[in-house]
């Protein structure tokens, strides 16, 4: 199956693990921003959080496109 990742026999689309990782990163970034007091300067926190989530998801997906061929080449060697 192309474009899917196998998690204990359950095939998930590649976007789902990336979306979950983006959500975890978002929680961390939100905590740091809240501790720094950045949300006092943000007009609409929910809109900002949504935009930040989309940017994190885009960043992770673009990194995975660059890293995936190297990882696949590494694991495809037979020793």
Foldseek 3Di string as FASTA:
>chain_A
DPQWDADPNDTDGPLVVLLVVLVVVLVVVVVVCVVVVVVVVDDDVVVVSVVSSVVSSVVVVVVCVVCVVVVCVVVVDDD
